[in-house]
N, C-alpha and C. Protein backbone atom coordinates (compact mmCIF):
# COMPACT_ATOMS: atom_id res chain seq x y z
N MET A 1 0.77 -1.03 0.01
CA MET A 1 0.18 -0.09 -0.26
C MET A 1 0.90 1.15 -0.10
N ILE A 2 1.99 1.18 0.64
CA ILE A 2 2.94 2.40 0.32
C ILE A 2 3.24 2.71 -0.73
N ASP A 3 3.52 1.63 -1.81
CA ASP A 3 3.83 2.11 -3.04
C ASP A 3 2.94 2.75 -3.74
N SER A 4 1.45 2.83 -3.22
CA SER A 4 0.42 3.37 -4.13
C SER A 4 0.46 4.65 -3.56
N ILE A 5 0.77 5.00 -2.49
CA ILE A 5 0.72 6.59 -2.06
C ILE A 5 1.90 7.19 -2.16
N ASP A 6 3.14 6.74 -2.93
CA ASP A 6 4.33 7.55 -2.20
C ASP A 6 4.43 8.42 -3.30
N MET A 7 4.03 8.75 -4.35
CA MET A 7 4.03 9.90 -5.11
C MET A 7 3.04 10.97 -4.98
N LEU A 8 2.02 10.35 -3.87
CA LEU A 8 0.83 11.49 -3.75
C LEU A 8 0.92 12.35 -2.23
N TRP A 9 1.97 12.26 -1.51
CA TRP A 9 1.66 12.90 -0.24
C TRP A 9 2.78 13.84 -0.12
N ASP A 10 2.40 14.75 0.74
CA ASP A 10 3.26 16.20 1.02
C ASP A 10 4.03 15.99 2.55
N ARG A 11 3.14 15.37 3.34
CA ARG A 11 3.30 15.11 5.11
C ARG A 11 2.60 13.95 5.34
N THR A 12 3.47 13.23 6.31
CA THR A 12 2.83 12.07 6.70
C THR A 12 2.99 12.04 8.27
N VAL A 13 2.00 11.67 8.89
CA VAL A 13 1.78 11.34 10.18
C VAL A 13 1.92 10.08 10.87
N ILE A 14 2.64 9.36 11.33
CA ILE A 14 2.82 7.93 11.31
C ILE A 14 2.20 7.59 12.98
N MET A 15 1.27 7.09 13.19
CA MET A 15 0.95 6.64 14.59
C MET A 15 0.80 5.31 14.95
N GLN A 16 1.07 5.07 16.33
CA GLN A 16 1.13 3.84 16.75
C GLN A 16 0.71 3.74 18.04
N SER A 17 -0.35 2.76 18.26
CA SER A 17 -0.83 2.62 19.61
C SER A 17 -1.29 4.17 20.34
N GLY A 18 -1.74 5.02 19.30
CA GLY A 18 -2.57 6.13 19.66
C GLY A 18 -1.81 7.32 19.79
N GLU A 19 -0.24 6.94 19.82
CA GLU A 19 0.38 8.27 19.91
C GLU A 19 1.24 8.44 18.43
N VAL A 20 1.60 9.90 18.26
CA VAL A 20 2.53 10.29 16.88
C VAL A 20 3.62 9.91 17.20
N ARG A 21 4.25 9.03 16.20
CA ARG A 21 5.37 8.51 16.57
C ARG A 21 6.36 9.14 15.51
N ALA A 22 5.71 9.64 14.34
CA ALA A 22 6.76 10.63 13.53
C ALA A 22 5.63 11.55 12.41
N ASN A 23 6.21 12.40 12.20
CA ASN A 23 5.53 13.64 11.65
C ASN A 23 6.69 14.42 10.66
N VAL A 24 6.45 14.19 9.38
CA VAL A 24 7.66 14.37 8.61
C VAL A 24 6.90 14.91 7.25
N THR A 25 7.53 16.25 6.61
CA THR A 25 7.35 16.60 5.18
C THR A 25 8.10 15.60 4.20
N ARG A 26 7.48 15.60 2.97
CA ARG A 26 8.32 14.81 2.12
C ARG A 26 9.71 15.56 1.88
N GLU A 27 9.81 16.47 1.86
CA GLU A 27 10.89 17.25 1.21
C GLU A 27 12.17 17.12 2.82
N ASP A 28 11.45 16.84 4.04
CA ASP A 28 12.57 16.57 5.03
C ASP A 28 13.04 15.24 4.81
N LEU A 29 11.81 14.26 4.72
CA LEU A 29 12.52 12.88 4.52
C LEU A 29 13.27 12.59 3.39
N SER A 30 13.24 13.41 2.40
CA SER A 30 13.99 13.34 0.91
C SER A 30 15.33 13.82 1.26
N SER A 31 15.46 14.82 2.06
CA SER A 31 16.81 15.23 2.14
C SER A 31 17.58 14.39 3.24
N SER A 32 17.00 13.72 3.97
CA SER A 32 17.41 12.59 4.82
C SER A 32 18.03 11.21 3.97
N GLY A 33 17.31 11.09 2.82
CA GLY A 33 18.29 10.00 2.12
C GLY A 33 17.13 8.72 2.38
N ARG A 34 16.33 8.97 3.16
CA ARG A 34 15.21 7.69 3.63
C ARG A 34 14.23 7.66 2.88
N SER A 35 13.22 6.53 2.52
CA SER A 35 12.17 6.55 1.74
C SER A 35 10.84 6.46 2.78
N LEU A 36 9.70 6.56 2.34
CA LEU A 36 8.26 6.64 2.94
C LEU A 36 8.39 5.03 3.65
N GLU A 37 9.00 4.15 3.02
CA GLU A 37 8.66 2.73 3.57
C GLU A 37 9.53 2.47 4.75
N GLU A 38 10.60 3.24 4.27
CA GLU A 38 11.74 2.90 5.33
C GLU A 38 11.52 3.54 6.94
N LEU A 39 11.01 4.60 6.62
CA LEU A 39 10.69 5.46 7.82
C LEU A 39 9.23 4.75 8.57
N PHE A 40 8.29 4.23 7.76
CA PHE A 40 7.39 3.43 8.10
C PHE A 40 7.77 2.39 9.08
N PHE A 41 8.54 1.52 8.63
CA PHE A 41 9.04 0.14 9.10
C PHE A 41 10.05 0.35 10.21
N ASP A 42 10.93 1.49 10.49
CA ASP A 42 11.66 1.85 11.62
C ASP A 42 10.79 2.28 12.67
N VAL A 43 9.53 3.34 12.40
CA VAL A 43 8.76 3.53 13.49
C VAL A 43 7.90 2.30 13.94
N THR A 44 7.49 1.86 13.02
CA THR A 44 6.50 0.45 13.41
C THR A 44 7.17 -0.70 14.15
N GLU A 45 8.64 -0.95 13.75
CA GLU A 45 9.44 -1.80 14.24
C GLU A 45 10.30 -1.56 15.72
N GLY A 46 9.82 -0.41 16.05
CA GLY A 46 10.46 0.15 17.31
C GLY A 46 11.70 0.62 17.42
N LEU A 47 12.26 1.63 16.55
CA LEU A 47 13.38 2.49 17.03
C LEU A 47 13.14 2.98 17.99
N ARG A 48 14.11 3.70 18.80
CA ARG A 48 13.87 4.51 19.95
C ARG A 48 13.22 5.75 19.37
N PRO A 49 12.54 6.38 20.56
CA PRO A 49 11.98 7.69 19.92
C PRO A 49 12.60 8.88 19.37
N GLU A 50 13.88 8.90 19.78
CA GLU A 50 14.87 10.03 19.44
C GLU A 50 15.63 9.60 17.98
N ASP A 51 15.13 8.22 17.69
CA ASP A 51 15.60 8.26 16.02
C ASP A 51 14.38 8.52 15.11
N HIS A 52 13.15 8.60 15.62
CA HIS A 52 12.04 8.99 14.72
C HIS A 52 12.10 10.56 14.03
N TYR A 53 11.76 10.80 13.14
CA TYR A 53 11.65 11.84 12.06
C TYR A 53 10.70 12.69 12.47
N SER A 54 11.04 13.99 12.56
CA SER A 54 9.76 15.07 12.88
C SER A 54 10.56 16.34 12.38
N SER A 55 9.34 16.78 11.38
CA SER A 55 9.55 17.91 10.69
C SER A 55 9.99 19.06 11.30
N LYS A 56 10.84 20.03 10.73
CA LYS A 56 11.16 21.11 11.22
C LYS A 56 9.56 22.23 11.38
N GLU A 57 8.85 21.99 10.80
CA GLU A 57 7.66 22.57 10.85
C GLU A 57 6.75 22.21 12.03
N ASP A 58 7.12 21.32 13.06
CA ASP A 58 6.07 21.09 14.12
C ASP A 58 5.74 21.78 14.72
C-alpha cells in the first residue's frame, strides 16, 4: 500500500498505539535520504523515540 501513495503525499504522520511516532514532510524525508517505506518500518518496528523523524515545521 505504501507504494500506491508514495508519489501523492506532502506530509505524513505515523501513529502507533494512539501516539504520533513520526511527523515529517516529503522534503525533509527526501533530504535525509530515507524512503517513506523505510520510515514506516523503522517507526513500527520499534526504533528509539529519538531516532524517529519529525519535521522542522512541527
